[in-house]
Amino acid sequence: MTPKLAANMLRFMGWGFILFGIIFVTIAFAEFDGFARNMAPIFDWTGGIPDEGLTREARWFAAIMSGLSAGFGAFYVFLVAPLLTLENARARQIARRGGLIAAFI
């Protein structure tokens, strides 16, 4: 795999994480409960959504996880992918190792 192809794949994956984070954060806000209720079955496939409102813990979880997801995507899009396209072999090696470690963890 060429460094350019790897960088493009990481950019695509990173933007997916960012988009997921933006959609997932709607669960954290009471104003978007209708949208969140429609999206919740996609994120929670274990059972039905209860009729009562989402709990405070569910809203906190959504806020934290959406931030982590978007941050992880931004890490790949704006840091790892550009470093992979550099001509400097040492920079590519550091980006490759950092990206693999982040993905593994």
C-alpha atoms as a PDB file:
ATOM      1  CA  MET A   1       0.000   0.000   0.000  1.00  0.00           C
ATOM      2  CA  THR A   2       1.365   3.362  -0.969  1.00  0.00           C
ATOM      3  CA  PRO A   3       1.552   6.164   1.614  1.00  0.00           C
ATOM      4  CA  LYS A   4      -0.896   8.249  -0.457  1.00  0.00           C
ATOM      5  CA  LEU A   5      -3.495   5.452  -0.503  1.00  0.00           C
ATOM      6  CA  ALA A   6      -3.040   4.886   3.240  1.00  0.00           C
ATOM      7  CA  ALA A   7      -3.456   8.619   3.908  1.00  0.00           C
ATOM      8  CA  ASN A   8      -6.631   8.773   1.812  1.00  0.00           C
ATOM      9  CA  MET A   9      -8.095   5.757   3.616  1.00  0.00           C
ATOM     10  CA  LEU A  10      -7.292   7.351   6.971  1.00  0.00           C
ATOM     11  CA  ARG A  11      -8.910  10.613   5.901  1.00  0.00           C
ATOM     12  CA  PHE A  12     -12.057   8.759   4.851  1.00  0.00           C
ATOM     13  CA  MET A  13     -12.158   6.842   8.131  1.00  0.00           C
ATOM     14  CA  GLY A  14     -11.435   9.993  10.149  1.00  0.00           C
ATOM     15  CA  TRP A  15     -14.266  11.933   8.524  1.00  0.00           C
ATOM     16  CA  GLY A  16     -16.528   8.970   9.312  1.00  0.00           C
ATOM     17  CA  PHE A  17     -15.585   9.228  12.992  1.00  0.00           C
ATOM     18  CA  ILE A  18     -16.203  12.978  12.944  1.00  0.00           C
ATOM     19  CA  LEU A  19     -19.611  12.546  11.275  1.00  0.00           C
ATOM     20  CA  PHE A  20     -20.553   9.836  13.783  1.00  0.00           C
ATOM     21  CA  GLY A  21     -19.560  12.147  16.650  1.00  0.00           C
ATOM     22  CA  ILE A  22     -21.682  14.988  15.278  1.00  0.00           C
ATOM     23  CA  ILE A  23     -24.725  12.750  14.907  1.00  0.00           C
ATOM     24  CA  PHE A  24     -24.190  11.031  18.269  1.00  0.00           C
ATOM     25  CA  VAL A  25     -23.973  14.327  20.178  1.00  0.00           C
ATOM     26  CA  THR A  26     -27.646  15.037  19.446  1.00  0.00           C
ATOM     27  CA  ILE A  27     -28.542  12.503  22.151  1.00  0.00           C
ATOM     28  CA  ALA A  28     -26.940  14.821  24.726  1.00  0.00           C
ATOM     29  CA  PHE A  29     -29.390  17.682  24.118  1.00  0.00           C
ATOM     30  CA  ALA A  30     -33.026  17.611  25.239  1.00  0.00           C
ATOM     31  CA  GLU A  31     -34.018  19.836  22.296  1.00  0.00           C
ATOM     32  CA  PHE A  32     -33.146  17.039  19.861  1.00  0.00           C
ATOM     33  CA  ASP A  33     -35.029  14.248  21.660  1.00  0.00           C
ATOM     34  CA  GLY A  34     -37.174  13.441  18.613  1.00  0.00           C
ATOM     35  CA  PHE A  35     -34.143  13.025  16.385  1.00  0.00           C
ATOM     36  CA  ALA A  36     -32.260  11.180  19.134  1.00  0.00           C
ATOM     37  CA  ARG A  37     -35.135   8.732  19.621  1.00  0.00           C
ATOM     38  CA  ASN A  38     -35.093   7.967  15.904  1.00  0.00           C
ATOM     39  CA  MET A  39     -31.310   7.500  15.914  1.00  0.00           C
ATOM     40  CA  ALA A  40     -31.070   5.560  19.201  1.00  0.00           C
ATOM     41  CA  PRO A  41     -32.033   2.151  17.714  1.00  0.00           C
ATOM     42  CA  ILE A  42     -29.024   2.436  15.411  1.00  0.00           C
ATOM     43  CA  PHE A  43     -26.660   2.967  18.346  1.00  0.00           C
ATOM     44  CA  ASP A  44     -28.441   0.655  20.832  1.00  0.00           C
ATOM     45  CA  TRP A  45     -29.374  -2.585  19.138  1.00  0.00           C
ATOM     46  CA  THR A  46     -29.993  -4.453  22.429  1.00  0.00           C
ATOM     47  CA  GLY A  47     -33.628  -3.490  22.867  1.00  0.00           C
ATOM     48  CA  GLY A  48     -36.362  -0.950  22.490  1.00  0.00           C
ATOM     49  CA  ILE A  49     -36.174   2.629  23.625  1.00  0.00           C
ATOM     50  CA  PRO A  50     -38.338   3.279  26.705  1.00  0.00           C
ATOM     51  CA  ASP A  51     -41.152   5.822  26.514  1.00  0.00           C
ATOM     52  CA  GLU A  52     -39.716   8.060  29.221  1.00  0.00           C
ATOM     53  CA  GLY A  53     -37.025  10.609  28.426  1.00  0.00           C
ATOM     54  CA  LEU A  54     -33.382   9.780  28.167  1.00  0.00           C
ATOM     55  CA  THR A  55     -31.572   9.697  31.488  1.00  0.00           C
ATOM     56  CA  ARG A  56     -28.950  12.164  32.564  1.00  0.00           C
ATOM     57  CA  GLU A  57     -26.323   9.409  32.407  1.00  0.00           C
ATOM     58  CA  ALA A  58     -27.272   8.596  28.814  1.00  0.00           C
ATOM     59  CA  ARG A  59     -26.872  12.245  27.879  1.00  0.00           C
ATOM     60  CA  TRP A  60     -23.457  12.458  29.572  1.00  0.00           C
ATOM     61  CA  PHE A  61     -22.356   9.249  27.858  1.00  0.00           C
ATOM     62  CA  ALA A  62     -23.433  10.625  24.488  1.00  0.00           C
ATOM     63  CA  ALA A  63     -21.588  13.894  25.048  1.00  0.00           C
ATOM     64  CA  ILE A  64     -18.365  12.199  26.129  1.00  0.00           C
ATOM     65  CA  MET A  65     -18.380   9.504  23.457  1.00  0.00           C
ATOM     66  CA  SER A  66     -19.221  11.912  20.657  1.00  0.00           C
ATOM     67  CA  GLY A  67     -16.326  14.153  21.684  1.00  0.00           C
ATOM     68  CA  LEU A  68     -13.939  11.216  21.833  1.00  0.00           C
ATOM     69  CA  SER A  69     -15.113   9.939  18.467  1.00  0.00           C
ATOM     70  CA  ALA A  70     -14.788  13.311  16.763  1.00  0.00           C
ATOM     71  CA  GLY A  71     -11.396  13.891  18.390  1.00  0.00           C
ATOM     72  CA  PHE A  72     -10.142  10.500  17.244  1.00  0.00           C
ATOM     73  CA  GLY A  73     -11.313  11.287  13.707  1.00  0.00           C
ATOM     74  CA  ALA A  74      -9.630  14.691  13.782  1.00  0.00           C
ATOM     75  CA  PHE A  75      -6.420  13.015  14.951  1.00  0.00           C
ATOM     76  CA  TYR A  76      -6.415  10.841  11.839  1.00  0.00           C
ATOM     77  CA  VAL A  77      -7.594  13.522   9.377  1.00  0.00           C
ATOM     78  CA  PHE A  78      -5.423  16.425  10.484  1.00  0.00           C
ATOM     79  CA  LEU A  79      -2.325  14.748  11.963  1.00  0.00           C
ATOM     80  CA  VAL A  80      -1.654  11.190  10.854  1.00  0.00           C
ATOM     81  CA  ALA A  81      -2.824  11.388   7.224  1.00  0.00           C
ATOM     82  CA  PRO A  82      -0.814  14.522   6.348  1.00  0.00           C
ATOM     83  CA  LEU A  83       2.296  13.067   7.980  1.00  0.00           C
ATOM     84  CA  LEU A  84       2.006   9.913   5.882  1.00  0.00           C
ATOM     85  CA  THR A  85       2.231  11.925   2.666  1.00  0.00           C
ATOM     86  CA  LEU A  86       5.493  13.662   3.605  1.00  0.00           C
ATOM     87  CA  GLU A  87       8.678  12.742   1.786  1.00  0.00           C
ATOM     88  CA  ASN A  88      10.551  12.357   5.082  1.00  0.00           C
ATOM     89  CA  ALA A  89      10.737   8.639   5.858  1.00  0.00           C
ATOM     90  CA  ARG A  90      11.164   9.234   9.595  1.00  0.00           C
ATOM     91  CA  ALA A  91       7.971  11.336   9.743  1.00  0.00           C
ATOM     92  CA  ARG A  92       6.067   8.619   7.869  1.00  0.00           C
ATOM     93  CA  GLN A  93       7.368   6.000  10.290  1.00  0.00           C
ATOM     94  CA  ILE A  94       6.271   8.052  13.314  1.00  0.00           C
ATOM     95  CA  ALA A  95       2.835   8.684  11.782  1.00  0.00           C
ATOM     96  CA  ARG A  96       2.416   5.001  10.935  1.00  0.00           C
ATOM     97  CA  ARG A  97       3.397   3.872  14.421  1.00  0.00           C
ATOM     98  CA  GLY A  98       1.240   6.534  16.148  1.00  0.00           C
ATOM     99  CA  GLY A  99      -1.784   5.737  14.024  1.00  0.00           C
ATOM    100  CA  LEU A 100      -1.487   2.006  14.624  1.00  0.00           C
ATOM    101  CA  ILE A 101      -1.089   2.492  18.360  1.00  0.00           C
ATOM    102  CA  ALA A 102      -4.117   4.826  18.490  1.00  0.00           C
ATOM    103  CA  ALA A 103      -6.229   2.397  16.485  1.00  0.00           C
ATOM    104  CA  PHE A 104      -5.155  -0.567  18.610  1.00  0.00           C
ATOM    105  CA  ILE A 105      -5.865   1.163  21.915  1.00  0.00           C
END
